[in-house]
C-alpha atoms as a PDB file:
ATOM      1  CA  MET A   1      28.294-114.045 -62.056  1.00  0.00           C
ATOM      2  CA  LYS A   2      24.863-112.266 -62.029  1.00  0.00           C
ATOM      3  CA  THR A   3      24.318-113.353 -58.469  1.00  0.00           C
ATOM      4  CA  LYS A   4      27.236-111.815 -57.317  1.00  0.00           C
ATOM      5  CA  THR A   5      26.959-108.764 -59.149  1.00  0.00           C
ATOM      6  CA  PHE A   6      23.424-108.544 -57.746  1.00  0.00           C
ATOM      7  CA  LYS A   7      24.703-108.612 -54.369  1.00  0.00           C
ATOM      8  CA  THR A   8      27.276-106.260 -55.218  1.00  0.00           C
ATOM      9  CA  GLU A   9      24.696-103.929 -56.184  1.00  0.00           C
ATOM     10  CA  MET A  10      22.901-104.527 -53.264  1.00  0.00           C
ATOM     11  CA  GLU A  11      25.400-103.519 -51.110  1.00  0.00           C
ATOM     12  CA  MET A  12      26.175-100.577 -52.709  1.00  0.00           C
ATOM     13  CA  ALA A  13      22.560 -99.655 -52.461  1.00  0.00           C
ATOM     14  CA  MET A  14      22.793-100.396 -49.069  1.00  0.00           C
ATOM     15  CA  ILE A  15      26.139 -98.147 -48.367  1.00  0.00           C
ATOM     16  CA  ASN A  16      24.295 -95.376 -50.299  1.00  0.00           C
ATOM     17  CA  SER A  17      21.241 -95.586 -48.266  1.00  0.00           C
ATOM     18  CA  ALA A  18      23.148 -95.839 -45.020  1.00  0.00           C
ATOM     19  CA  GLN A  19      25.202 -92.793 -46.564  1.00  0.00           C
ATOM     20  CA  MET A  20      22.037 -90.918 -47.211  1.00  0.00           C
ATOM     21  CA  GLU A  21      20.707 -91.823 -43.981  1.00  0.00           C
ATOM     22  CA  THR A  22      23.744 -90.573 -42.199  1.00  0.00           C
ATOM     23  CA  ALA A  23      23.791 -87.845 -44.121  1.00  0.00           C
ATOM     24  CA  MET A  24      20.128 -86.718 -43.387  1.00  0.00           C
ATOM     25  CA  VAL A  25      20.943 -87.311 -39.935  1.00  0.00           C
ATOM     26  CA  LYS A  26      23.687 -85.092 -39.876  1.00  0.00           C
ATOM     27  CA  THR A  27      21.386 -82.633 -41.882  1.00  0.00           C
ATOM     28  CA  ALA A  28      18.833 -83.188 -39.352  1.00  0.00           C
ATOM     29  CA  GLN A  29      21.442 -82.436 -36.557  1.00  0.00           C
ATOM     30  CA  ARG A  30      22.647 -79.333 -38.027  1.00  0.00           C
ATOM     31  CA  LYS A  31      19.213 -78.078 -38.336  1.00  0.00           C
ATOM     32  CA  THR A  32      18.394 -78.861 -34.675  1.00  0.00           C
ATOM     33  CA  VAL A  33      21.702 -77.332 -33.830  1.00  0.00           C
ATOM     34  CA  MET A  34      20.920 -74.302 -36.220  1.00  0.00           C
ATOM     35  CA  ALA A  35      17.392 -74.171 -34.766  1.00  0.00           C
ATOM     36  CA  LYS A  36      18.895 -73.991 -31.115  1.00  0.00           C
ATOM     37  CA  THR A  37      20.995 -71.348 -31.940  1.00  0.00           C
ATOM     38  CA  ALA A  38      18.562 -69.537 -33.623  1.00  0.00           C
ATOM     39  CA  GLN A  39      16.291 -69.980 -30.490  1.00  0.00           C
ATOM     40  CA  ARG A  40      19.109 -68.942 -28.126  1.00  0.00           C
ATOM     41  CA  LYS A  41      19.775 -65.780 -30.575  1.00  0.00           C
ATOM     42  CA  THR A  42      16.061 -65.009 -30.250  1.00  0.00           C
ATOM     43  CA  VAL A  43      16.267 -65.554 -26.518  1.00  0.00           C
ATOM     44  CA  ILE A  44      19.163 -63.154 -26.409  1.00  0.00           C
ATOM     45  CA  VAL A  45      17.290 -60.521 -28.464  1.00  0.00           C
ATOM     46  CA  LYS A  46      14.608 -60.758 -26.493  1.00  0.00           C
ATOM     47  CA  THR A  47      16.554 -60.492 -22.929  1.00  0.00           C
ATOM     48  CA  ALA A  48      18.578 -57.443 -24.713  1.00  0.00           C
ATOM     49  CA  GLN A  49      15.281 -55.906 -25.827  1.00  0.00           C
ATOM     50  CA  MET A  50      13.787 -56.410 -21.900  1.00  0.00           C
ATOM     51  CA  GLU A  51      17.046 -55.025 -20.410  1.00  0.00           C
ATOM     52  CA  ILE A  52      17.002 -51.976 -22.884  1.00  0.00           C
ATOM     53  CA  ALA A  53      13.586 -51.604 -21.832  1.00  0.00           C
ATOM     54  CA  MET A  54      14.506 -51.904 -18.137  1.00  0.00           C
ATOM     55  CA  VAL A  55      17.069 -49.070 -18.999  1.00  0.00           C
ATOM     56  CA  LYS A  56      14.745 -46.884 -20.531  1.00  0.00           C
ATOM     57  CA  THR A  57      12.274 -47.615 -17.409  1.00  0.00           C
ATOM     58  CA  ALA A  58      14.994 -46.770 -15.295  1.00  0.00           C
ATOM     59  CA  GLN A  59      15.831 -43.597 -16.879  1.00  0.00           C
ATOM     60  CA  MET A  60      12.597 -42.400 -16.871  1.00  0.00           C
ATOM     61  CA  GLU A  61      12.295 -43.029 -13.111  1.00  0.00           C
ATOM     62  CA  ILE A  62      15.887 -41.389 -12.848  1.00  0.00           C
ATOM     63  CA  THR A  63      14.174 -38.311 -14.591  1.00  0.00           C
ATOM     64  CA  MET A  64      10.955 -38.348 -12.417  1.00  0.00           C
ATOM     65  CA  VAL A  65      13.249 -38.588  -9.446  1.00  0.00           C
ATOM     66  CA  LYS A  66      15.263 -35.514 -10.300  1.00  0.00           C
ATOM     67  CA  THR A  67      12.152 -33.676 -11.457  1.00  0.00           C
ATOM     68  CA  ALA A  68      10.781 -34.412  -7.986  1.00  0.00           C
ATOM     69  CA  GLN A  69      14.085 -33.468  -6.387  1.00  0.00           C
ATOM     70  CA  MET A  70      13.832 -30.070  -8.508  1.00  0.00           C
ATOM     71  CA  GLU A  71      10.173 -29.559  -7.168  1.00  0.00           C
ATOM     72  CA  ILE A  72      11.504 -30.170  -3.503  1.00  0.00           C
ATOM     73  CA  ALA A  73      14.203 -27.664  -3.695  1.00  0.00           C
ATOM     74  CA  MET A  74      11.550 -25.349  -5.436  1.00  0.00           C
ATOM     75  CA  VAL A  75       9.174 -25.976  -2.361  1.00  0.00           C
ATOM     76  CA  LYS A  76      12.136 -25.432  -0.079  1.00  0.00           C
ATOM     77  CA  THR A  77      12.882 -22.454  -1.777  1.00  0.00           C
ATOM     78  CA  ALA A  78       9.488 -21.037  -1.749  1.00  0.00           C
ATOM     79  CA  GLN A  79       9.212 -21.976   1.915  1.00  0.00           C
ATOM     80  CA  THR A  80      12.371 -20.319   2.829  1.00  0.00           C
ATOM     81  CA  GLU A  81      11.381 -17.116   0.937  1.00  0.00           C
ATOM     82  CA  ILE A  82       7.883 -17.524   2.707  1.00  0.00           C
ATOM     83  CA  ALA A  83       9.683 -17.667   5.994  1.00  0.00           C
ATOM     84  CA  MET A  84      11.917 -14.463   5.047  1.00  0.00           C
ATOM     85  CA  VAL A  85       8.812 -12.378   3.978  1.00  0.00           C
ATOM     86  CA  LYS A  86       6.911 -13.357   6.887  1.00  0.00           C
ATOM     87  CA  THR A  87      10.342 -12.229   9.154  1.00  0.00           C
ATOM     88  CA  ALA A  88      10.291  -9.022   7.043  1.00  0.00           C
ATOM     89  CA  GLN A  89       6.665  -8.657   7.602  1.00  0.00           C
ATOM     90  CA  MET A  90       7.055  -9.063  11.260  1.00  0.00           C
ATOM     91  CA  GLY A  91      10.014  -6.764  11.429  1.00  0.00           C
ATOM     92  CA  ILE A  92       7.911  -4.187   9.271  1.00  0.00           C
ATOM     93  CA  LEU A  93       4.935  -4.717  12.061  1.00  0.00           C
ATOM     94  CA  VAL A  94       7.603  -4.303  14.950  1.00  0.00           C
ATOM     95  CA  VAL A  95       8.719  -1.168  13.294  1.00  0.00           C
ATOM     96  CA  LYS A  96       5.222  -0.087  12.189  1.00  0.00           C
ATOM     97  CA  THR A  97       4.015  -0.776  15.967  1.00  0.00           C
ATOM     98  CA  GLU A  98       7.079   0.983  17.458  1.00  0.00           C
ATOM     99  CA  THR A  99       6.147   3.566  15.410  1.00  0.00           C
ATOM    100  CA  THR A 100       2.932   3.870  16.165  1.00  0.00           C
ATOM    101  CA  ILE A 101       3.507   3.562  19.546  1.00  0.00           C
ATOM    102  CA  ARG A 102       6.137   6.468  19.413  1.00  0.00           C
ATOM    103  CA  LYS A 103       3.356   8.769  17.567  1.00  0.00           C
ATOM    104  CA  ILE A 104       0.675   7.592  20.388  1.00  0.00           C
ATOM    105  CA  LYS A 105       3.505   8.494  23.237  1.00  0.00           C
ATOM    106  CA  THR A 106       4.279  11.820  21.196  1.00  0.00           C
ATOM    107  CA  ALA A 107       0.345  12.515  20.601  1.00  0.00           C
ATOM    108  CA  GLN A 108      -0.224  11.911  24.239  1.00  0.00           C
ATOM    109  CA  THR A 109       2.802  14.379  25.498  1.00  0.00           C
ATOM    110  CA  LYS A 110       1.516  16.922  23.169  1.00  0.00           C
ATOM    111  CA  MET A 111      -1.982  16.380  24.428  1.00  0.00           C
ATOM    112  CA  GLU A 112      -0.840  16.664  28.036  1.00  0.00           C
ATOM    113  CA  ILE A 113       1.287  19.628  27.456  1.00  0.00           C
ATOM    114  CA  GLN A 114      -1.396  21.110  25.258  1.00  0.00           C
ATOM    115  CA  THR A 115      -3.987  20.527  27.692  1.00  0.00           C
ATOM    116  CA  ILE A 116      -1.679  21.865  30.438  1.00  0.00           C
ATOM    117  CA  LYS A 117      -1.080  25.332  28.258  1.00  0.00           C
ATOM    118  CA  THR A 118      -4.537  25.806  27.127  1.00  0.00           C
ATOM    119  CA  ALA A 119      -6.548  25.096  30.279  1.00  0.00           C
ATOM    120  CA  GLN A 120      -7.117  28.559  31.067  1.00  0.00           C
ATOM    121  CA  THR A 121      -6.532  30.060  27.457  1.00  0.00           C
ATOM    122  CA  GLU A 122      -9.118  32.023  25.382  1.00  0.00           C
ATOM    123  CA  SER A 123      -6.581  32.707  22.362  1.00  0.00           C
ATOM    124  CA  CYS A 124      -3.711  31.257  20.119  1.00  0.00           C
ATOM    125  CA  SER A 125      -2.138  34.733  20.560  1.00  0.00           C
ATOM    126  CA  GLU A 126      -1.976  33.797  24.465  1.00  0.00           C
ATOM    127  CA  ILE A 127      -0.245  30.466  23.915  1.00  0.00           C
ATOM    128  CA  GLN A 128       2.381  31.929  21.679  1.00  0.00           C
ATOM    129  CA  LYS A 129       3.094  34.804  24.624  1.00  0.00           C
ATOM    130  CA  GLU A 130       3.407  31.808  26.846  1.00  0.00           C
ATOM    131  CA  ASP A 131       5.562  29.812  24.931  1.00  0.00           C
ATOM    132  CA  ASP A 132       7.238  31.340  21.676  1.00  0.00           C
ATOM    133  CA  SER A 133       8.410  27.632  20.839  1.00  0.00           C
ATOM    134  CA  SER A 134       4.614  26.344  20.400  1.00  0.00           C
ATOM    135  CA  ALA A 135       4.013  25.189  16.814  1.00  0.00           C
ATOM    136  CA  SER A 136       0.986  25.543  14.400  1.00  0.00           C
ATOM    137  CA  GLY A 137      -1.794  22.928  14.884  1.00  0.00           C
ATOM    138  CA  ILE A 138      -4.688  22.323  16.731  1.00  0.00           C
ATOM    139  CA  TYR A 139      -5.192  23.426  19.980  1.00  0.00           C
ATOM    140  CA  THR A 140      -7.716  23.754  22.954  1.00  0.00           C
ATOM    141  CA  LEU A 141      -9.204  27.245  23.930  1.00  0.00           C
ATOM    142  CA  ILE A 142     -11.636  27.981  26.746  1.00  0.00           C
ATOM    143  CA  LEU A 143     -14.551  29.825  25.346  1.00  0.00           C
ATOM    144  CA  ASP A 144     -17.253  30.951  27.368  1.00  0.00           C
ATOM    145  CA  GLY A 145     -16.207  28.417  29.902  1.00  0.00           C
ATOM    146  CA  LYS A 146     -16.187  25.499  27.236  1.00  0.00           C
ATOM    147  CA  GLN A 147     -13.364  23.763  25.472  1.00  0.00           C
ATOM    148  CA  LYS A 148     -13.192  24.500  21.884  1.00  0.00           C
ATOM    149  CA  GLU A 149     -10.733  23.190  19.371  1.00  0.00           C
ATOM    150  CA  VAL A 150      -9.396  25.352  16.987  1.00  0.00           C
ATOM    151  CA  TYR A 151      -6.225  25.813  14.557  1.00  0.00           C
ATOM    152  CA  CYS A 152      -3.143  28.064  15.647  1.00  0.00           C
ATOM    153  CA  GLU A 153      -0.991  29.377  13.024  1.00  0.00           C
ATOM    154  CA  MET A 154       2.054  30.180  14.753  1.00  0.00           C
ATOM    155  CA  LYS A 155       4.469  32.530  12.648  1.00  0.00           C
ATOM    156  CA  ASN A 156       6.878  35.439  13.314  1.00  0.00           C
ATOM    157  CA  GLY A 157       6.049  35.645  16.950  1.00  0.00           C
ATOM    158  CA  ASP A 158       2.230  36.097  16.579  1.00  0.00           C
ATOM    159  CA  GLY A 159      -0.289  33.465  17.418  1.00  0.00           C
ATOM    160  CA  TRP A 160      -3.704  33.419  15.109  1.00  0.00           C
ATOM    161  CA  THR A 161      -6.601  31.669  15.544  1.00  0.00           C
ATOM    162  CA  VAL A 162      -7.631  30.401  12.058  1.00  0.00           C
ATOM    163  CA  LEU A 163     -11.638  31.263  11.388  1.00  0.00           C
ATOM    164  CA  GLN A 164     -11.561  29.775   7.683  1.00  0.00           C
ATOM    165  CA  ARG A 165      -9.232  27.534   5.575  1.00  0.00           C
ATOM    166  CA  ARG A 166     -10.335  27.478   1.967  1.00  0.00           C
ATOM    167  CA  GLY A 167      -7.949  25.805  -0.689  1.00  0.00           C
ATOM    168  CA  GLU A 168      -6.949  22.661  -2.640  1.00  0.00           C
ATOM    169  CA  PHE A 169      -8.028  19.903  -0.436  1.00  0.00           C
ATOM    170  CA  GLU A 170      -9.797  17.768  -2.805  1.00  0.00           C
ATOM    171  CA  ASN A 171     -13.112  18.633  -1.650  1.00  0.00           C
ATOM    172  CA  GLU A 172     -16.334  19.387  -3.660  1.00  0.00           C
ATOM    173  CA  GLU A 173     -16.784  22.812  -5.529  1.00  0.00           C
ATOM    174  CA  ASN A 174     -19.708  23.381  -3.326  1.00  0.00           C
ATOM    175  CA  TYR A 175     -18.114  22.425   0.043  1.00  0.00           C
ATOM    176  CA  PHE A 176     -18.786  25.960   1.609  1.00  0.00           C
ATOM    177  CA  TYR A 177     -22.845  26.028   0.413  1.00  0.00           C
ATOM    178  CA  ARG A 178     -24.123  25.256   3.693  1.00  0.00           C
ATOM    179  CA  ASN A 179     -27.242  26.360   5.678  1.00  0.00           C
ATOM    180  CA  TRP A 180     -27.555  28.604   8.654  1.00  0.00           C
ATOM    181  CA  GLU A 181     -26.956  25.975  11.400  1.00  0.00           C
ATOM    182  CA  GLU A 182     -23.842  24.756  10.071  1.00  0.00           C
ATOM    183  CA  TYR A 183     -22.315  28.297   9.585  1.00  0.00           C
ATOM    184  CA  ARG A 184     -23.563  29.095  12.887  1.00  0.00           C
ATOM    185  CA  ASP A 185     -21.958  25.895  14.456  1.00  0.00           C
ATOM    186  CA  GLY A 186     -18.858  25.642  12.133  1.00  0.00           C
ATOM    187  CA  PHE A 187     -17.967  22.668   9.860  1.00  0.00           C
ATOM    188  CA  GLY A 188     -14.850  20.962   8.081  1.00  0.00           C
ATOM    189  CA  GLU A 189     -11.578  19.727   9.126  1.00  0.00           C
ATOM    190  CA  LEU A 190      -9.220  21.733  11.397  1.00  0.00           C
ATOM    191  CA  GLU A 191      -6.034  20.741   9.230  1.00  0.00           C
ATOM    192  CA  GLY A 192      -8.155  21.223   5.764  1.00  0.00           C
ATOM    193  CA  GLU A 193     -10.961  23.199   4.388  1.00  0.00           C
ATOM    194  CA  HIS A 194     -13.029  24.466   7.731  1.00  0.00           C
ATOM    195  CA  TRP A 195     -15.119  27.247   9.016  1.00  0.00           C
ATOM    196  CA  ILE A 196     -14.832  27.828  12.985  1.00  0.00           C
ATOM    197  CA  GLY A 197     -18.493  28.715  13.118  1.00  0.00           C
ATOM    198  CA  LEU A 198     -20.269  32.265  13.843  1.00  0.00           C
ATOM    199  CA  GLU A 199     -20.858  31.308  17.648  1.00  0.00           C
ATOM    200  CA  ALA A 200     -17.379  30.539  18.040  1.00  0.00           C
ATOM    201  CA  MET A 201     -16.339  34.173  16.256  1.00  0.00           C
ATOM    202  CA  PHE A 202     -18.952  35.705  18.580  1.00  0.00           C
ATOM    203  CA  GLU A 203     -17.136  34.326  21.885  1.00  0.00           C
ATOM    204  CA  LEU A 204     -13.505  35.031  20.319  1.00  0.00           C
ATOM    205  CA  THR A 205     -14.283  38.257  19.566  1.00  0.00           C
ATOM    206  CA  ASN A 206     -16.136  39.390  22.610  1.00  0.00           C
ATOM    207  CA  GLN A 207     -13.541  38.873  25.230  1.00  0.00           C
ATOM    208  CA  LYS A 208     -11.708  41.486  27.359  1.00  0.00           C
ATOM    209  CA  LYS A 209      -8.728  42.199  24.855  1.00  0.00           C
ATOM    210  CA  LYS A 210      -9.355  43.784  21.407  1.00  0.00           C
ATOM    211  CA  VAL A 211      -9.070  41.263  18.457  1.00  0.00           C
ATOM    212  CA  ASP A 212      -7.894  41.853  15.025  1.00  0.00           C
ATOM    213  CA  LEU A 213      -9.373  39.999  11.899  1.00  0.00           C
ATOM    214  CA  ARG A 214      -6.655  39.339   9.264  1.00  0.00           C
ATOM    215  CA  PHE A 215      -7.386  38.171   5.539  1.00  0.00           C
ATOM    216  CA  ILE A 216      -4.565  36.445   3.833  1.00  0.00           C
ATOM    217  CA  LEU A 217      -5.514  35.752   0.190  1.00  0.00           C
ATOM    218  CA  GLU A 218      -2.852  33.317  -2.187  1.00  0.00           C
ATOM    219  CA  ASP A 219      -2.897  32.706  -5.594  1.00  0.00           C
ATOM    220  CA  TYR A 220      -1.755  29.580  -7.811  1.00  0.00           C
ATOM    221  CA  GLU A 221       1.641  31.417  -8.622  1.00  0.00           C
ATOM    222  CA  GLY A 222       2.337  31.742  -4.656  1.00  0.00           C
ATOM    223  CA  ASN A 223       1.373  35.687  -4.530  1.00  0.00           C
ATOM    224  CA  ARG A 224       0.063  36.393  -1.363  1.00  0.00           C
ATOM    225  CA  THR A 225      -1.802  39.570  -0.288  1.00  0.00           C
ATOM    226  CA  ALA A 226      -3.258  40.525   3.535  1.00  0.00           C
ATOM    227  CA  VAL A 227      -5.342  43.151   4.912  1.00  0.00           C
ATOM    228  CA  THR A 228      -6.529  43.161   8.525  1.00  0.00           C
ATOM    229  CA  LEU A 229      -9.626  44.624  10.308  1.00  0.00           C
ATOM    230  CA  VAL A 230      -8.810  46.426  13.268  1.00  0.00           C
ATOM    231  CA  GLU A 231     -10.753  45.901  16.666  1.00  0.00           C
ATOM    232  CA  PHE A 232     -12.848  43.243  14.879  1.00  0.00           C
ATOM    233  CA  ARG A 233     -15.875  42.028  16.656  1.00  0.00           C
ATOM    234  CA  VAL A 234     -19.228  39.648  15.669  1.00  0.00           C
ATOM    235  CA  ALA A 235     -22.288  40.445  17.828  1.00  0.00           C
ATOM    236  CA  ASN A 236     -24.715  37.646  18.881  1.00  0.00           C
ATOM    237  CA  GLU A 237     -27.127  35.346  17.051  1.00  0.00           C
ATOM    238  CA  GLU A 238     -29.785  37.462  17.829  1.00  0.00           C
ATOM    239  CA  SER A 239     -28.302  40.462  16.174  1.00  0.00           C
ATOM    240  CA  GLY A 240     -27.583  37.935  12.983  1.00  0.00           C
ATOM    241  CA  TYR A 241     -24.074  37.901  13.806  1.00  0.00           C
ATOM    242  CA  ARG A 242     -23.381  41.537  12.998  1.00  0.00           C
ATOM    243  CA  LEU A 243     -19.766  42.561  11.669  1.00  0.00           C
ATOM    244  CA  PHE A 244     -18.213  45.366  13.404  1.00  0.00           C
ATOM    245  CA  TYR A 245     -14.643  46.799  12.781  1.00  0.00           C
ATOM    246  CA  LYS A 246     -12.750  50.261  13.408  1.00  0.00           C
ATOM    247  CA  GLY A 247     -10.368  50.471  10.632  1.00  0.00           C
ATOM    248  CA  ILE A 248      -8.560  48.560   7.945  1.00  0.00           C
ATOM    249  CA  ILE A 249      -4.594  47.662   7.400  1.00  0.00           C
ATOM    250  CA  ASN A 250      -3.680  46.984   3.659  1.00  0.00           C
ATOM    251  CA  HIS A 251      -0.266  44.747   4.284  1.00  0.00           C
ATOM    252  CA  SER A 252       0.463  44.473   0.599  1.00  0.00           C
ATOM    253  CA  ARG A 253      -0.896  47.275  -1.710  1.00  0.00           C
ATOM    254  CA  SER A 254      -1.464  44.745  -4.195  1.00  0.00           C
ATOM    255  CA  LYS A 255      -3.213  44.724  -7.410  1.00  0.00           C
ATOM    256  CA  TYR A 256      -6.350  43.316  -5.611  1.00  0.00           C
ATOM    257  CA  PRO A 257      -8.404  46.500  -4.785  1.00  0.00           C
ATOM    258  CA  CYS A 258     -10.989  44.720  -2.506  1.00  0.00           C
ATOM    259  CA  TRP A 259      -7.987  43.596  -0.134  1.00  0.00           C
ATOM    260  CA  ALA A 260      -7.205  47.301   0.036  1.00  0.00           C
ATOM    261  CA  GLY A 261     -10.494  47.958   1.510  1.00  0.00           C
ATOM    262  CA  ALA A 262     -12.339  49.398  -1.713  1.00  0.00           C
ATOM    263  CA  CYS A 263     -14.351  46.587  -1.925  1.00  0.00           C
ATOM    264  CA  LEU A 264     -15.214  46.386   2.197  1.00  0.00           C
ATOM    265  CA  PRO A 265     -17.972  48.501   4.217  1.00  0.00           C
ATOM    266  CA  ARG A 266     -16.199  50.958   6.164  1.00  0.00           C
ATOM    267  CA  ALA A 267     -19.364  51.269   8.507  1.00  0.00           C
ATOM    268  CA  GLN A 268     -21.162  48.916  11.001  1.00  0.00           C
ATOM    269  CA  SER A 269     -22.503  45.953   8.452  1.00  0.00           C
ATOM    270  CA  SER A 270     -23.655  42.572   8.965  1.00  0.00           C
ATOM    271  CA  LEU A 271     -22.788  39.628   7.249  1.00  0.00           C
ATOM    272  CA  PRO A 272     -24.930  38.591   4.150  1.00  0.00           C
END
């Protein structure tokens, strides 16, 4: 009986051992399956992470491409604007060139007309008489056989040769502080402040025709007064350019007593 019982126990132990081994094998298999599943999940996660990284990289590249496209568009816009500016500049240059050409042609025409008018002219008054449409400006006179540029004031049918012009022309206060030679020969710009010169005055006033000298004074409020020296004449340099006149005409009867003759010499005198 004991032997049979022992065998039975042995068999049961073997069965239990086999069951345990089977269970262990199954457990090992499950663990293996779980490990493989975990590995697959890890691979999937890594793959997903890589794909996400690739997507982000692609997004960055797309952003860079869009930025580059915007920059290219800006460059093209800038190029278009530059082309427009250049076209505008060319247009302005053409206009300026055409304007300059017109001005040159006009100036040349005026010079030609003026040369014809003044070829044998000794005064602005003669120019005005020959053509009453003559405008104020620079003309060429013939003085003592030589050409002399002067400024002619053409107003109210009269032509006056401007001997001196002073005013607000942005020159220095001492602009007229000059030496003898400069006052003899003249200085300044004819269309601005200037002095025609004593020698030119001598040549202008010692012609066959009688000459009058008119002084015109205007204050800062636009009030003007004038006085005329009748039969005005300047002698030559040897005499010190002495000044002669026959009488005085006051045109305005203004409040300036000197311009009415009270402060002017009435006998022959010389310039200071």
